[in-house]
């Protein structure tokens, strides 16, 4: 498990997060990313970016008043269930 502080990047952390997942995290290893919340759009976007890159978002939690934490595993996620597929 490795922890990365992306807070200095403000809202421009997505590319760095994916770079770290690709180059610093081994298969099935977990990464913890911290970033600033801003206007909360980064929360859903970060989850989408992780999923689209082929990683599993294990947890997404508010760390304090201004920071958010993502726990990501380098493992292909389960397919999303679409409405009507049930």
C-alpha atoms as a PDB file:
ATOM      1  CA  UNK A   1       0.000   0.000   0.000  1.00  0.00           C
ATOM      2  CA  UNK A   2       1.302   3.429  -0.961  1.00  0.00           C
ATOM      3  CA  UNK A   3      -0.027   6.871  -0.080  1.00  0.00           C
ATOM      4  CA  UNK A   4       0.179   9.885  -2.382  1.00  0.00           C
ATOM      5  CA  UNK A   5      -0.593  13.483  -1.478  1.00  0.00           C
ATOM      6  CA  UNK A   6      -2.007  15.220  -4.562  1.00  0.00           C
ATOM      7  CA  UNK A   7      -3.323  18.254  -2.662  1.00  0.00           C
ATOM      8  CA  UNK A   8      -0.638  20.619  -4.043  1.00  0.00           C
ATOM      9  CA  UNK A   9      -2.028  19.973  -7.553  1.00  0.00           C
ATOM     10  CA  UNK A  10      -5.442  21.431  -6.556  1.00  0.00           C
ATOM     11  CA  UNK A  11      -8.024  20.365  -9.200  1.00  0.00           C
ATOM     12  CA  UNK A  12      -5.398  19.247 -11.719  1.00  0.00           C
ATOM     13  CA  UNK A  13      -4.486  15.868 -10.193  1.00  0.00           C
ATOM     14  CA  UNK A  14      -6.127  13.305 -12.514  1.00  0.00           C
ATOM     15  CA  UNK A  15      -3.179  12.756 -14.875  1.00  0.00           C
ATOM     16  CA  UNK A  16      -0.751  12.447 -11.962  1.00  0.00           C
ATOM     17  CA  UNK A  17      -3.065   9.981 -10.213  1.00  0.00           C
ATOM     18  CA  UNK A  18      -3.226   7.776 -13.314  1.00  0.00           C
ATOM     19  CA  UNK A  19       0.531   8.080 -13.856  1.00  0.00           C
ATOM     20  CA  UNK A  20       1.140   6.881 -10.295  1.00  0.00           C
ATOM     21  CA  UNK A  21      -1.309   3.991 -10.658  1.00  0.00           C
ATOM     22  CA  UNK A  22       0.402   2.885 -13.845  1.00  0.00           C
ATOM     23  CA  UNK A  23       4.019   3.333 -12.760  1.00  0.00           C
ATOM     24  CA  UNK A  24       4.199   3.136  -8.976  1.00  0.00           C
ATOM     25  CA  UNK A  25       1.554   0.554  -8.059  1.00  0.00           C
ATOM     26  CA  UNK A  26       1.947  -3.175  -8.653  1.00  0.00           C
ATOM     27  CA  UNK A  27      -0.884  -5.476  -9.739  1.00  0.00           C
ATOM     28  CA  UNK A  28      -3.386  -6.002  -6.891  1.00  0.00           C
ATOM     29  CA  UNK A  29      -1.657  -3.342  -4.762  1.00  0.00           C
ATOM     30  CA  UNK A  30      -3.631  -0.539  -3.083  1.00  0.00           C
ATOM     31  CA  UNK A  31      -2.966   3.185  -3.412  1.00  0.00           C
ATOM     32  CA  UNK A  32      -4.330   5.958  -1.237  1.00  0.00           C
ATOM     33  CA  UNK A  33      -4.703   9.378  -2.859  1.00  0.00           C
ATOM     34  CA  UNK A  34      -5.450  12.618  -1.054  1.00  0.00           C
ATOM     35  CA  UNK A  35      -6.737  15.646  -2.947  1.00  0.00           C
ATOM     36  CA  UNK A  36      -8.557  18.897  -2.237  1.00  0.00           C
ATOM     37  CA  UNK A  37     -12.340  18.783  -2.521  1.00  0.00           C
ATOM     38  CA  UNK A  38     -12.866  22.188  -4.129  1.00  0.00           C
ATOM     39  CA  UNK A  39     -16.449  22.393  -5.415  1.00  0.00           C
ATOM     40  CA  UNK A  40     -17.058  18.612  -5.054  1.00  0.00           C
ATOM     41  CA  UNK A  41     -17.019  17.929  -8.827  1.00  0.00           C
ATOM     42  CA  UNK A  42     -13.618  16.269  -8.398  1.00  0.00           C
ATOM     43  CA  UNK A  43     -15.167  13.520  -6.283  1.00  0.00           C
ATOM     44  CA  UNK A  44     -17.384  11.995  -8.981  1.00  0.00           C
ATOM     45  CA  UNK A  45     -14.881  12.779 -11.738  1.00  0.00           C
ATOM     46  CA  UNK A  46     -12.082  11.002  -9.854  1.00  0.00           C
ATOM     47  CA  UNK A  47     -14.272   7.914  -9.417  1.00  0.00           C
ATOM     48  CA  UNK A  48     -15.106   7.944 -13.134  1.00  0.00           C
ATOM     49  CA  UNK A  49     -11.451   8.424 -14.127  1.00  0.00           C
ATOM     50  CA  UNK A  50     -10.373   5.491 -11.941  1.00  0.00           C
ATOM     51  CA  UNK A  51     -13.083   3.197 -13.337  1.00  0.00           C
ATOM     52  CA  UNK A  52     -12.422   4.172 -16.968  1.00  0.00           C
ATOM     53  CA  UNK A  53      -8.697   3.516 -16.484  1.00  0.00           C
ATOM     54  CA  UNK A  54      -9.478  -0.043 -15.388  1.00  0.00           C
ATOM     55  CA  UNK A  55      -8.843   0.213 -11.640  1.00  0.00           C
ATOM     56  CA  UNK A  56     -11.108  -0.585  -8.685  1.00  0.00           C
ATOM     57  CA  UNK A  57     -12.242   2.211  -6.397  1.00  0.00           C
ATOM     58  CA  UNK A  58     -12.439   0.616  -2.976  1.00  0.00           C
ATOM     59  CA  UNK A  59     -13.345   3.675  -0.919  1.00  0.00           C
ATOM     60  CA  UNK A  60     -13.925   7.395  -1.287  1.00  0.00           C
ATOM     61  CA  UNK A  61     -14.167   9.372   1.939  1.00  0.00           C
ATOM     62  CA  UNK A  62     -13.970  12.878   3.279  1.00  0.00           C
ATOM     63  CA  UNK A  63     -10.702  13.189   5.210  1.00  0.00           C
ATOM     64  CA  UNK A  64     -11.303  16.576   6.805  1.00  0.00           C
ATOM     65  CA  UNK A  65     -13.035  19.856   5.897  1.00  0.00           C
ATOM     66  CA  UNK A  66     -11.063  20.427   2.678  1.00  0.00           C
ATOM     67  CA  UNK A  67      -9.505  17.097   1.698  1.00  0.00           C
ATOM     68  CA  UNK A  68     -10.774  13.858   0.191  1.00  0.00           C
ATOM     69  CA  UNK A  69      -9.208  10.394   0.188  1.00  0.00           C
ATOM     70  CA  UNK A  70      -9.520   7.707  -2.488  1.00  0.00           C
ATOM     71  CA  UNK A  71      -8.497   4.102  -1.894  1.00  0.00           C
ATOM     72  CA  UNK A  72      -7.808   2.428  -5.236  1.00  0.00           C
ATOM     73  CA  UNK A  73      -6.744  -1.110  -6.063  1.00  0.00           C
ATOM     74  CA  UNK A  74      -4.861  -1.959  -9.230  1.00  0.00           C
ATOM     75  CA  UNK A  75      -7.411  -4.551 -10.231  1.00  0.00           C
ATOM     76  CA  UNK A  76      -9.915  -4.499 -13.077  1.00  0.00           C
ATOM     77  CA  UNK A  77     -13.278  -3.365 -11.662  1.00  0.00           C
ATOM     78  CA  UNK A  78     -16.494  -5.307 -11.925  1.00  0.00           C
ATOM     79  CA  UNK A  79     -18.729  -4.083 -14.756  1.00  0.00           C
ATOM     80  CA  UNK A  80     -21.216  -1.390 -13.827  1.00  0.00           C
ATOM     81  CA  UNK A  81     -24.820  -2.557 -13.674  1.00  0.00           C
ATOM     82  CA  UNK A  82     -27.021  -0.473 -15.966  1.00  0.00           C
ATOM     83  CA  UNK A  83     -30.673   0.145 -15.178  1.00  0.00           C
ATOM     84  CA  UNK A  84     -32.734  -2.527 -16.863  1.00  0.00           C
ATOM     85  CA  UNK A  85     -29.901  -5.109 -16.755  1.00  0.00           C
ATOM     86  CA  UNK A  86     -31.131  -6.598 -13.487  1.00  0.00           C
END
